Amino acid sequence: MNLRIRDETTLDVPAITALTEAAFLNAPHTAHTEHFIVNALRRAGQLTLSLVAERDSVVVGHVALSPVTISDGAPGWYGLGPISVLPALQGQGIGSALMHAALDGLRARGAAGCLLVGDPAYYTRFGFKPVSGLLYPGIPPEYFMALAFGASLPQGSVVFHAAFEATA
């Protein structure tokens, strides 16, 4: 697979929007607002990392990472998501490549760790796990997971940026 992962550019924005919308079109457990979330994070200057997967000069995947706030004050934690791959190319390792690049990018920035909401069957393979005492209100605990890059795990309630409420 001839896959290149790189930082997004302004020229990628329409492709990222289209592929994110397509990736979540038939997904269960979603409000189908993921493409709005990415654009709202970008407008707010909250995309710490925004990586695209490119194959043959076509954007085929994307992952967004943004800062989160934890009630215990733990610094350096980021939320991963959304992560998107064109539906016709899902299951070919593009999402995994994006995950590894995203986590490597956070580590290179000195991040304490990463949080996400997602399917445990997929994300546990990257080291994510539910953490007792770390809460994201409204989400079943088994779907809210953390990956610490050091020894300590935060405790408390997590707040993602207000862009995660975007509906347009």
C-alpha atoms as a PDB file:
ATOM      1  CA  MET A   1       0.000   0.000   0.000  1.00  0.00           C
ATOM      2  CA  ASN A   2       1.460   3.335  -1.091  1.00  0.00           C
ATOM      3  CA  LEU A   3       0.257   5.402   1.882  1.00  0.00           C
ATOM      4  CA  ARG A   4       1.649   8.733   3.008  1.00  0.00           C
ATOM      5  CA  ILE A   5       0.613  10.357   6.287  1.00  0.00           C
ATOM      6  CA  ARG A   6       1.162  14.089   6.607  1.00  0.00           C
ATOM      7  CA  ASP A   7      -0.189  17.223   8.252  1.00  0.00           C
ATOM      8  CA  GLU A   8      -3.313  18.651   6.641  1.00  0.00           C
ATOM      9  CA  THR A   9      -3.080  21.721   4.449  1.00  0.00           C
ATOM     10  CA  THR A  10      -5.811  24.235   3.675  1.00  0.00           C
ATOM     11  CA  LEU A  11      -6.216  22.564   0.283  1.00  0.00           C
ATOM     12  CA  ASP A  12      -7.211  19.322   2.072  1.00  0.00           C
ATOM     13  CA  VAL A  13     -10.175  20.809   3.951  1.00  0.00           C
ATOM     14  CA  PRO A  14     -12.893  19.980   1.365  1.00  0.00           C
ATOM     15  CA  ALA A  15     -11.600  16.406   1.001  1.00  0.00           C
ATOM     16  CA  ILE A  16     -11.424  15.956   4.790  1.00  0.00           C
ATOM     17  CA  THR A  17     -14.994  17.214   5.158  1.00  0.00           C
ATOM     18  CA  ALA A  18     -16.304  14.895   2.428  1.00  0.00           C
ATOM     19  CA  LEU A  19     -14.469  11.793   3.612  1.00  0.00           C
ATOM     20  CA  THR A  20     -15.437  12.360   7.258  1.00  0.00           C
ATOM     21  CA  GLU A  21     -19.088  12.715   6.304  1.00  0.00           C
ATOM     22  CA  ALA A  22     -18.894   9.583   4.124  1.00  0.00           C
ATOM     23  CA  ALA A  23     -17.072   7.559   6.782  1.00  0.00           C
ATOM     24  CA  PHE A  24     -19.785   8.155   9.383  1.00  0.00           C
ATOM     25  CA  LEU A  25     -22.793   8.123   7.043  1.00  0.00           C
ATOM     26  CA  ASN A  26     -23.901   4.594   7.980  1.00  0.00           C
ATOM     27  CA  ALA A  27     -22.120   4.313  11.320  1.00  0.00           C
ATOM     28  CA  PRO A  28     -24.188   3.362  14.360  1.00  0.00           C
ATOM     29  CA  HIS A  29     -24.118   5.431  17.562  1.00  0.00           C
ATOM     30  CA  THR A  30     -23.408   8.768  15.919  1.00  0.00           C
ATOM     31  CA  ALA A  31     -25.238  12.028  15.369  1.00  0.00           C
ATOM     32  CA  HIS A  32     -23.466  12.327  11.976  1.00  0.00           C
ATOM     33  CA  THR A  33     -21.864  15.623  12.972  1.00  0.00           C
ATOM     34  CA  GLU A  34     -18.213  14.526  12.834  1.00  0.00           C
ATOM     35  CA  HIS A  35     -17.410  16.654   9.776  1.00  0.00           C
ATOM     36  CA  PHE A  36     -18.897  19.689  11.549  1.00  0.00           C
ATOM     37  CA  ILE A  37     -16.772  18.929  14.614  1.00  0.00           C
ATOM     38  CA  VAL A  38     -13.524  18.857  12.631  1.00  0.00           C
ATOM     39  CA  ASN A  39     -14.342  22.144  10.908  1.00  0.00           C
ATOM     40  CA  ALA A  40     -15.347  23.772  14.214  1.00  0.00           C
ATOM     41  CA  LEU A  41     -12.117  22.608  15.876  1.00  0.00           C
ATOM     42  CA  ARG A  42     -10.148  24.040  12.947  1.00  0.00           C
ATOM     43  CA  ARG A  43     -11.985  27.394  13.129  1.00  0.00           C
ATOM     44  CA  ALA A  44     -11.366  27.558  16.883  1.00  0.00           C
ATOM     45  CA  GLY A  45      -7.646  26.874  16.432  1.00  0.00           C
ATOM     46  CA  GLN A  46      -7.959  23.699  18.511  1.00  0.00           C
ATOM     47  CA  LEU A  47      -6.541  21.091  16.122  1.00  0.00           C
ATOM     48  CA  THR A  48      -3.326  20.126  17.860  1.00  0.00           C
ATOM     49  CA  LEU A  49      -2.779  17.539  15.142  1.00  0.00           C
ATOM     50  CA  SER A  50      -4.753  17.085  11.969  1.00  0.00           C
ATOM     51  CA  LEU A  51      -3.253  14.328   9.858  1.00  0.00           C
ATOM     52  CA  VAL A  52      -4.314  13.018   6.474  1.00  0.00           C
ATOM     53  CA  ALA A  53      -3.587   9.680   4.880  1.00  0.00           C
ATOM     54  CA  GLU A  54      -2.916  10.109   1.197  1.00  0.00           C
ATOM     55  CA  ARG A  55      -2.748   7.412  -1.460  1.00  0.00           C
ATOM     56  CA  ASP A  56      -1.884   8.299  -5.054  1.00  0.00           C
ATOM     57  CA  SER A  57      -2.304  12.000  -4.200  1.00  0.00           C
ATOM     58  CA  VAL A  58      -5.866  11.409  -2.920  1.00  0.00           C
ATOM     59  CA  VAL A  59      -6.845  12.034   0.716  1.00  0.00           C
ATOM     60  CA  VAL A  60      -8.272   8.717   1.921  1.00  0.00           C
ATOM     61  CA  GLY A  61      -8.174   9.174   5.700  1.00  0.00           C
ATOM     62  CA  HIS A  62      -7.993  11.776   8.437  1.00  0.00           C
ATOM     63  CA  VAL A  63      -7.529  12.009  12.197  1.00  0.00           C
ATOM     64  CA  ALA A  64      -8.038  15.007  14.482  1.00  0.00           C
ATOM     65  CA  LEU A  65      -6.560  15.570  17.935  1.00  0.00           C
ATOM     66  CA  SER A  66      -7.441  18.413  20.274  1.00  0.00           C
ATOM     67  CA  PRO A  67      -6.783  19.395  23.893  1.00  0.00           C
ATOM     68  CA  VAL A  68      -9.149  18.242  26.627  1.00  0.00           C
ATOM     69  CA  THR A  69      -9.738  19.549  30.135  1.00  0.00           C
ATOM     70  CA  ILE A  70      -9.769  17.172  33.096  1.00  0.00           C
ATOM     71  CA  SER A  71     -11.318  18.230  36.399  1.00  0.00           C
ATOM     72  CA  ASP A  72      -8.247  17.148  38.390  1.00  0.00           C
ATOM     73  CA  GLY A  73      -6.185  19.679  36.411  1.00  0.00           C
ATOM     74  CA  ALA A  74      -3.945  17.078  34.766  1.00  0.00           C
ATOM     75  CA  PRO A  75      -2.113  18.854  31.917  1.00  0.00           C
ATOM     76  CA  GLY A  76      -1.097  17.545  28.509  1.00  0.00           C
ATOM     77  CA  TRP A  77      -4.061  15.332  27.659  1.00  0.00           C
ATOM     78  CA  TYR A  78      -5.629  15.263  24.204  1.00  0.00           C
ATOM     79  CA  GLY A  79      -8.763  13.837  22.668  1.00  0.00           C
ATOM     80  CA  LEU A  80      -8.489  11.749  19.526  1.00  0.00           C
ATOM     81  CA  GLY A  81     -11.322  12.003  17.087  1.00  0.00           C
ATOM     82  CA  PRO A  82     -12.869  11.888  14.834  1.00  0.00           C
ATOM     83  CA  ILE A  83     -10.829   9.449  12.794  1.00  0.00           C
ATOM     84  CA  SER A  84     -12.125   8.705   9.305  1.00  0.00           C
ATOM     85  CA  VAL A  85     -11.293   6.470   6.346  1.00  0.00           C
ATOM     86  CA  LEU A  86     -13.129   6.391   3.036  1.00  0.00           C
ATOM     87  CA  PRO A  87     -15.701   3.586   3.344  1.00  0.00           C
ATOM     88  CA  ALA A  88     -14.424   1.688   0.280  1.00  0.00           C
ATOM     89  CA  LEU A  89     -10.946   1.541   1.831  1.00  0.00           C
ATOM     90  CA  GLN A  90     -11.823   0.655   5.424  1.00  0.00           C
ATOM     91  CA  GLY A  91     -10.224  -2.520   6.750  1.00  0.00           C
ATOM     92  CA  GLN A  92      -7.002  -1.997   4.785  1.00  0.00           C
ATOM     93  CA  GLY A  93      -4.832  -0.626   7.620  1.00  0.00           C
ATOM     94  CA  ILE A  94      -5.298   3.078   6.873  1.00  0.00           C
ATOM     95  CA  GLY A  95      -7.005   3.768  10.194  1.00  0.00           C
ATOM     96  CA  SER A  96      -4.274   1.883  12.063  1.00  0.00           C
ATOM     97  CA  ALA A  97      -1.570   3.857  10.278  1.00  0.00           C
ATOM     98  CA  LEU A  98      -3.343   7.105  11.206  1.00  0.00           C
ATOM     99  CA  MET A  99      -3.664   5.976  14.842  1.00  0.00           C
ATOM    100  CA  HIS A 100       0.042   5.171  15.120  1.00  0.00           C
ATOM    101  CA  ALA A 101       1.034   8.472  13.474  1.00  0.00           C
ATOM    102  CA  ALA A 102      -1.338  10.425  15.730  1.00  0.00           C
ATOM    103  CA  LEU A 103      -0.046   8.801  18.919  1.00  0.00           C
ATOM    104  CA  ASP A 104       3.578   9.243  17.804  1.00  0.00           C
ATOM    105  CA  GLY A 105       2.820  12.906  17.081  1.00  0.00           C
ATOM    106  CA  LEU A 106       1.400  13.421  20.564  1.00  0.00           C
ATOM    107  CA  ARG A 107       4.367  11.691  22.186  1.00  0.00           C
ATOM    108  CA  ALA A 108       6.745  13.906  20.179  1.00  0.00           C
ATOM    109  CA  ARG A 109       4.916  16.952  21.595  1.00  0.00           C
ATOM    110  CA  GLY A 110       5.414  15.728  25.149  1.00  0.00           C
ATOM    111  CA  ALA A 111       1.749  14.910  25.728  1.00  0.00           C
ATOM    112  CA  ALA A 112       0.755  13.087  28.907  1.00  0.00           C
ATOM    113  CA  GLY A 113      -1.752  10.919  27.085  1.00  0.00           C
ATOM    114  CA  CYS A 114      -4.740  10.542  24.837  1.00  0.00           C
ATOM    115  CA  LEU A 115      -8.465   9.998  25.412  1.00  0.00           C
ATOM    116  CA  LEU A 116     -11.189   8.866  23.054  1.00  0.00           C
ATOM    117  CA  VAL A 117     -14.718   7.632  22.730  1.00  0.00           C
ATOM    118  CA  GLY A 118     -14.965   4.524  20.584  1.00  0.00           C
ATOM    119  CA  ASP A 119     -15.345   0.811  20.130  1.00  0.00           C
ATOM    120  CA  PRO A 120     -13.193  -1.085  22.638  1.00  0.00           C
ATOM    121  CA  ALA A 121     -12.796  -3.958  20.158  1.00  0.00           C
ATOM    122  CA  TYR A 122     -10.886  -1.591  17.865  1.00  0.00           C
ATOM    123  CA  TYR A 123      -9.058   0.811  20.169  1.00  0.00           C
ATOM    124  CA  THR A 124      -7.740  -1.593  22.816  1.00  0.00           C
ATOM    125  CA  ARG A 125      -5.260  -2.912  20.225  1.00  0.00           C
ATOM    126  CA  PHE A 126      -3.517   0.488  20.447  1.00  0.00           C
ATOM    127  CA  GLY A 127      -3.295   0.309  24.240  1.00  0.00           C
ATOM    128  CA  PHE A 128      -6.435   2.273  25.104  1.00  0.00           C
ATOM    129  CA  LYS A 129      -8.490   1.081  28.050  1.00  0.00           C
ATOM    130  CA  PRO A 130     -11.305   2.332  30.265  1.00  0.00           C
ATOM    131  CA  VAL A 131      -9.970   3.959  33.446  1.00  0.00           C
ATOM    132  CA  SER A 132     -11.917   3.797  36.677  1.00  0.00           C
ATOM    133  CA  GLY A 133     -12.360   7.316  37.997  1.00  0.00           C
ATOM    134  CA  LEU A 134     -11.990   8.986  34.605  1.00  0.00           C
ATOM    135  CA  LEU A 135     -15.425  10.009  33.377  1.00  0.00           C
ATOM    136  CA  TYR A 136     -16.970  11.455  30.271  1.00  0.00           C
ATOM    137  CA  PRO A 137     -20.601  12.213  31.155  1.00  0.00           C
ATOM    138  CA  GLY A 138     -23.239  10.582  28.989  1.00  0.00           C
ATOM    139  CA  ILE A 139     -20.941   7.886  27.578  1.00  0.00           C
ATOM    140  CA  PRO A 140     -20.909   4.288  28.856  1.00  0.00           C
ATOM    141  CA  PRO A 141     -17.572   3.840  30.673  1.00  0.00           C
ATOM    142  CA  GLU A 142     -16.423   0.953  28.472  1.00  0.00           C
ATOM    143  CA  TYR A 143     -16.489   3.266  25.418  1.00  0.00           C
ATOM    144  CA  PHE A 144     -14.455   6.051  27.030  1.00  0.00           C
ATOM    145  CA  MET A 145     -10.795   5.068  27.039  1.00  0.00           C
ATOM    146  CA  ALA A 146      -7.389   6.473  27.882  1.00  0.00           C
ATOM    147  CA  LEU A 147      -3.803   5.812  26.893  1.00  0.00           C
ATOM    148  CA  ALA A 148      -1.173   7.294  29.218  1.00  0.00           C
ATOM    149  CA  PHE A 149       2.283   7.974  27.818  1.00  0.00           C
ATOM    150  CA  GLY A 150       3.725   8.030  31.350  1.00  0.00           C
ATOM    151  CA  ALA A 151       2.912   6.327  34.627  1.00  0.00           C
ATOM    152  CA  SER A 152       0.121   8.564  35.869  1.00  0.00           C
ATOM    153  CA  LEU A 153      -3.512   8.526  34.890  1.00  0.00           C
ATOM    154  CA  PRO A 154      -5.801  11.470  35.575  1.00  0.00           C
ATOM    155  CA  GLN A 155      -8.962  11.190  37.643  1.00  0.00           C
ATOM    156  CA  GLY A 156     -12.129  13.191  37.205  1.00  0.00           C
ATOM    157  CA  SER A 157     -14.509  14.411  34.551  1.00  0.00           C
ATOM    158  CA  VAL A 158     -13.291  15.165  31.044  1.00  0.00           C
ATOM    159  CA  VAL A 159     -14.485  18.030  28.878  1.00  0.00           C
ATOM    160  CA  PHE A 160     -13.805  18.077  25.155  1.00  0.00           C
ATOM    161  CA  HIS A 161     -13.761  21.423  23.336  1.00  0.00           C
ATOM    162  CA  ALA A 162     -17.140  23.046  22.657  1.00  0.00           C
ATOM    163  CA  ALA A 163     -16.595  22.259  18.952  1.00  0.00           C
ATOM    164  CA  PHE A 164     -17.722  18.703  19.755  1.00  0.00           C
ATOM    165  CA  GLU A 165     -21.231  20.141  20.057  1.00  0.00           C
ATOM    166  CA  ALA A 166     -21.163  21.518  16.474  1.00  0.00           C
ATOM    167  CA  THR A 167     -24.196  20.616  14.373  1.00  0.00           C
ATOM    168  CA  ALA A 168     -23.554  22.723  11.280  1.00  0.00           C
END
